[in-house]
């Protein structure tokens, strides 16, 4: 199944990578690798991760305080947000 990012989720990923690179050289790449690892696990087992709200599921990153919020559709996994765990917890709700 293919993974499709919404425009806002892609922007969140890019901003988080840039922020981490600004803090420590190479940390943005490590963050991006962790997100890719999470996306691969989601692709392998899309229904395995906990439901956040309604049909939206969440995958918690292991080494960073972020979660991947996604929806499983008939033809794709839609990434709705790359959300920080400690900032505005429900900001993404109106995106679906």
N, C-alpha and C. Protein backbone atom coordinates (compact mmCIF):
# COMPACT_ATOMS: atom_id res chain seq x y z
N UNK A 1 0.84 -1.17 0.00
CA UNK A 1 0.00 0.00 0.00
C UNK A 1 0.89 1.24 0.00
N UNK A 2 0.52 2.24 -0.75
CA UNK A 2 1.34 3.45 -0.82
C UNK A 2 1.02 4.40 0.32
N UNK A 3 1.99 5.22 0.65
CA UNK A 3 1.86 6.23 1.70
C UNK A 3 1.81 7.59 1.03
N UNK A 4 0.80 8.38 1.39
CA UNK A 4 0.62 9.71 0.82
C UNK A 4 0.57 10.72 1.96
N UNK A 5 1.41 11.74 1.88
CA UNK A 5 1.42 12.82 2.86
C UNK A 5 0.46 13.92 2.42
N UNK A 6 -0.29 14.46 3.38
CA UNK A 6 -1.01 15.69 3.09
C UNK A 6 0.04 16.80 3.00
N UNK A 7 -0.33 17.90 2.41
CA UNK A 7 0.59 19.03 2.26
C UNK A 7 1.07 19.51 3.64
N UNK A 8 0.16 19.60 4.60
CA UNK A 8 0.53 20.09 5.93
C UNK A 8 1.42 19.10 6.68
N UNK A 9 1.16 17.82 6.52
CA UNK A 9 2.02 16.81 7.17
C UNK A 9 3.43 16.86 6.59
N UNK A 10 3.55 17.01 5.29
CA UNK A 10 4.87 17.12 4.66
C UNK A 10 5.60 18.35 5.19
N UNK A 11 4.89 19.45 5.31
CA UNK A 11 5.48 20.68 5.84
C UNK A 11 5.94 20.49 7.28
N UNK A 12 5.14 19.81 8.10
CA UNK A 12 5.55 19.54 9.48
C UNK A 12 6.82 18.70 9.54
N UNK A 13 6.91 17.71 8.68
CA UNK A 13 8.12 16.87 8.63
C UNK A 13 9.33 17.72 8.26
N UNK A 14 9.19 18.53 7.22
CA UNK A 14 10.31 19.37 6.78
C UNK A 14 10.74 20.35 7.86
N UNK A 15 9.77 20.95 8.54
CA UNK A 15 10.09 21.91 9.61
C UNK A 15 10.79 21.24 10.79
N UNK A 16 10.34 20.04 11.15
CA UNK A 16 10.97 19.33 12.27
C UNK A 16 12.39 18.93 11.91
N UNK A 17 12.61 18.47 10.69
CA UNK A 17 13.96 18.12 10.24
C UNK A 17 14.86 19.35 10.30
N UNK A 18 14.38 20.47 9.80
CA UNK A 18 15.17 21.71 9.80
C UNK A 18 15.48 22.15 11.24
N UNK A 19 14.50 22.06 12.12
CA UNK A 19 14.71 22.46 13.52
C UNK A 19 15.79 21.59 14.17
N UNK A 20 15.67 20.28 14.02
CA UNK A 20 16.65 19.39 14.64
C UNK A 20 18.04 19.60 14.06
N UNK A 21 18.14 19.86 12.76
CA UNK A 21 19.45 20.13 12.16
C UNK A 21 20.04 21.43 12.69
N UNK A 22 19.18 22.38 12.99
CA UNK A 22 19.65 23.65 13.52
C UNK A 22 20.18 23.45 14.96
N UNK A 23 19.55 22.55 15.69
CA UNK A 23 19.97 22.29 17.07
C UNK A 23 21.29 21.52 17.13
N UNK A 24 21.37 20.43 16.36
CA UNK A 24 22.57 19.59 16.34
C UNK A 24 22.74 19.05 14.93
N UNK A 25 23.90 19.28 14.36
CA UNK A 25 24.16 18.81 13.00
C UNK A 25 23.93 17.30 12.90
N UNK A 26 23.13 16.89 11.92
CA UNK A 26 22.85 15.48 11.70
C UNK A 26 21.63 14.96 12.44
N UNK A 27 21.13 15.71 13.42
CA UNK A 27 19.98 15.25 14.18
C UNK A 27 18.71 15.23 13.32
N UNK A 28 18.60 16.15 12.38
CA UNK A 28 17.46 16.16 11.46
C UNK A 28 17.42 14.90 10.62
N UNK A 29 18.57 14.44 10.18
CA UNK A 29 18.63 13.19 9.41
C UNK A 29 18.23 12.00 10.25
N UNK A 30 18.63 12.02 11.52
CA UNK A 30 18.24 10.92 12.41
C UNK A 30 16.74 10.92 12.65
N UNK A 31 16.17 12.12 12.77
CA UNK A 31 14.72 12.24 12.91
C UNK A 31 14.02 11.70 11.67
N UNK A 32 14.49 12.11 10.51
CA UNK A 32 13.89 11.65 9.25
C UNK A 32 14.00 10.13 9.11
N UNK A 33 15.10 9.55 9.52
CA UNK A 33 15.27 8.09 9.49
C UNK A 33 14.26 7.42 10.40
N UNK A 34 14.05 7.99 11.58
CA UNK A 34 13.08 7.43 12.51
C UNK A 34 11.65 7.50 11.95
N UNK A 35 11.33 8.60 11.26
CA UNK A 35 10.02 8.72 10.62
C UNK A 35 9.88 7.66 9.53
N UNK A 36 10.91 7.48 8.71
CA UNK A 36 10.86 6.47 7.65
C UNK A 36 10.69 5.07 8.23
N UNK A 37 11.37 4.79 9.33
CA UNK A 37 11.21 3.50 10.01
C UNK A 37 9.75 3.32 10.44
N UNK A 38 9.18 4.36 10.99
CA UNK A 38 7.78 4.31 11.40
C UNK A 38 6.84 4.10 10.23
N UNK A 39 7.10 4.78 9.12
CA UNK A 39 6.26 4.63 7.93
C UNK A 39 6.34 3.21 7.38
N UNK A 40 7.51 2.63 7.41
CA UNK A 40 7.65 1.24 6.95
C UNK A 40 6.86 0.29 7.84
N UNK A 41 6.91 0.51 9.13
CA UNK A 41 6.15 -0.34 10.05
C UNK A 41 4.65 -0.16 9.84
N UNK A 42 4.22 1.07 9.61
CA UNK A 42 2.80 1.33 9.34
C UNK A 42 2.38 0.63 8.06
N UNK A 43 3.22 0.70 7.02
CA UNK A 43 2.89 0.03 5.75
C UNK A 43 2.75 -1.48 5.94
N UNK A 44 3.62 -2.06 6.75
CA UNK A 44 3.59 -3.51 6.97
C UNK A 44 2.36 -3.94 7.76
N UNK A 45 1.95 -3.14 8.72
CA UNK A 45 0.84 -3.49 9.61
C UNK A 45 -0.03 -2.26 9.88
N UNK A 46 -0.77 -1.79 8.91
CA UNK A 46 -1.50 -0.52 9.06
C UNK A 46 -2.52 -0.48 10.20
N UNK A 47 -3.06 -1.61 10.56
CA UNK A 47 -4.09 -1.63 11.61
C UNK A 47 -3.53 -1.95 13.00
N UNK A 48 -2.23 -2.12 13.10
CA UNK A 48 -1.63 -2.55 14.36
C UNK A 48 -1.52 -1.43 15.40
N UNK A 49 -1.54 -0.20 14.97
CA UNK A 49 -1.26 0.90 15.89
C UNK A 49 -2.56 1.45 16.47
N UNK A 50 -2.46 2.05 17.63
CA UNK A 50 -3.62 2.51 18.40
C UNK A 50 -4.42 3.57 17.66
N UNK A 51 -5.72 3.55 17.92
CA UNK A 51 -6.61 4.58 17.37
C UNK A 51 -6.47 5.82 18.24
N UNK A 52 -6.27 6.96 17.58
CA UNK A 52 -6.17 8.24 18.28
C UNK A 52 -7.57 8.85 18.43
N UNK A 53 -8.30 8.87 17.32
CA UNK A 53 -9.64 9.46 17.31
C UNK A 53 -10.35 9.01 16.05
N UNK A 54 -11.54 8.47 16.18
CA UNK A 54 -12.30 8.03 15.02
C UNK A 54 -11.54 6.97 14.24
N UNK A 55 -11.27 7.29 12.98
CA UNK A 55 -10.54 6.37 12.09
C UNK A 55 -9.05 6.71 12.01
N UNK A 56 -8.62 7.69 12.79
CA UNK A 56 -7.22 8.14 12.76
C UNK A 56 -6.40 7.33 13.76
N UNK A 57 -5.31 6.76 13.27
CA UNK A 57 -4.41 5.98 14.11
C UNK A 57 -3.13 6.76 14.39
N UNK A 58 -2.39 6.33 15.40
CA UNK A 58 -1.14 7.02 15.74
C UNK A 58 -0.02 6.01 15.88
N UNK A 59 1.13 6.43 15.43
CA UNK A 59 2.36 5.66 15.61
C UNK A 59 3.32 6.58 16.36
N UNK A 60 3.77 6.14 17.53
CA UNK A 60 4.69 6.94 18.33
C UNK A 60 6.13 6.65 17.91
N UNK A 61 6.88 7.71 17.62
CA UNK A 61 8.30 7.53 17.32
C UNK A 61 9.02 7.13 18.59
N UNK A 62 10.06 6.34 18.47
CA UNK A 62 10.75 5.81 19.65
C UNK A 62 11.79 6.76 20.22
N UNK A 63 12.44 7.54 19.38
CA UNK A 63 13.56 8.34 19.87
C UNK A 63 13.28 9.84 19.88
N UNK A 64 12.12 10.24 19.44
CA UNK A 64 11.75 11.66 19.37
C UNK A 64 10.33 11.82 19.89
N UNK A 65 10.00 12.99 20.46
CA UNK A 65 8.66 13.20 21.01
C UNK A 65 7.63 13.57 19.93
N UNK A 66 7.44 12.69 18.98
CA UNK A 66 6.52 12.91 17.86
C UNK A 66 5.68 11.68 17.62
N UNK A 67 4.55 11.90 16.99
CA UNK A 67 3.71 10.79 16.54
C UNK A 67 3.31 11.04 15.10
N UNK A 68 3.11 9.95 14.38
CA UNK A 68 2.61 10.01 13.01
C UNK A 68 1.12 9.69 13.09
N UNK A 69 0.30 10.61 12.65
CA UNK A 69 -1.15 10.40 12.62
C UNK A 69 -1.53 10.06 11.19
N UNK A 70 -2.29 8.98 11.03
CA UNK A 70 -2.59 8.51 9.69
C UNK A 70 -3.97 7.86 9.62
N UNK A 71 -4.45 7.76 8.40
CA UNK A 71 -5.72 7.12 8.10
C UNK A 71 -5.48 6.04 7.06
N UNK A 72 -6.09 4.89 7.26
CA UNK A 72 -5.97 3.80 6.30
C UNK A 72 -7.16 3.85 5.35
N UNK A 73 -6.89 4.14 4.10
CA UNK A 73 -7.93 4.20 3.07
C UNK A 73 -7.84 2.95 2.21
N UNK A 74 -8.77 2.78 1.29
CA UNK A 74 -8.79 1.57 0.47
C UNK A 74 -7.56 1.44 -0.42
N UNK A 75 -7.01 2.56 -0.87
CA UNK A 75 -5.89 2.51 -1.81
C UNK A 75 -4.59 3.13 -1.30
N UNK A 76 -4.60 3.68 -0.08
CA UNK A 76 -3.40 4.36 0.43
C UNK A 76 -3.50 4.58 1.93
N UNK A 77 -2.34 4.83 2.51
CA UNK A 77 -2.25 5.29 3.89
C UNK A 77 -2.00 6.79 3.81
N UNK A 78 -2.90 7.57 4.38
CA UNK A 78 -2.80 9.03 4.32
C UNK A 78 -2.18 9.53 5.62
N UNK A 79 -1.04 10.20 5.50
CA UNK A 79 -0.37 10.80 6.66
C UNK A 79 -0.99 12.18 6.88
N UNK A 80 -1.64 12.32 8.01
CA UNK A 80 -2.38 13.55 8.32
C UNK A 80 -1.51 14.56 9.06
N UNK A 81 -0.63 14.06 9.93
CA UNK A 81 0.21 14.97 10.71
C UNK A 81 1.46 14.25 11.21
N UNK A 82 2.52 15.02 11.34
CA UNK A 82 3.72 14.61 12.08
C UNK A 82 3.70 15.54 13.29
N UNK A 83 3.11 15.06 14.38
CA UNK A 83 2.75 15.92 15.50
C UNK A 83 3.68 15.76 16.69
N UNK A 84 4.10 16.89 17.24
CA UNK A 84 4.89 16.88 18.48
C UNK A 84 3.96 16.47 19.61
N UNK A 85 4.46 15.64 20.51
CA UNK A 85 3.62 15.11 21.59
C UNK A 85 3.25 16.12 22.67
N UNK A 86 4.00 17.22 22.77
CA UNK A 86 3.78 18.15 23.87
C UNK A 86 3.29 19.52 23.43
N UNK A 87 2.87 19.65 22.20
CA UNK A 87 2.38 20.94 21.69
C UNK A 87 0.97 20.78 21.14
N UNK A 88 0.10 21.65 21.50
CA UNK A 88 -1.27 21.70 20.97
C UNK A 88 -1.77 20.31 20.55
N UNK A 89 -2.16 19.48 21.45
CA UNK A 89 -2.42 18.07 21.15
C UNK A 89 -3.48 17.79 20.07
N UNK A 90 -4.51 18.60 19.96
CA UNK A 90 -5.60 18.29 19.02
C UNK A 90 -5.66 19.24 17.82
N UNK A 91 -4.59 19.92 17.50
CA UNK A 91 -4.61 20.91 16.42
C UNK A 91 -4.95 20.32 15.06
N UNK A 92 -4.69 19.06 14.84
CA UNK A 92 -4.82 18.40 13.54
C UNK A 92 -6.23 17.89 13.26
N UNK A 93 -7.12 17.92 14.21
CA UNK A 93 -8.43 17.27 14.11
C UNK A 93 -9.22 17.70 12.88
N UNK A 94 -9.19 18.94 12.50
CA UNK A 94 -9.98 19.43 11.36
C UNK A 94 -9.36 19.11 10.01
N UNK A 95 -8.27 18.40 9.97
CA UNK A 95 -7.59 18.13 8.70
C UNK A 95 -8.24 17.04 7.87
N UNK A 96 -8.93 16.12 8.46
CA UNK A 96 -9.46 14.96 7.72
C UNK A 96 -10.39 15.33 6.63
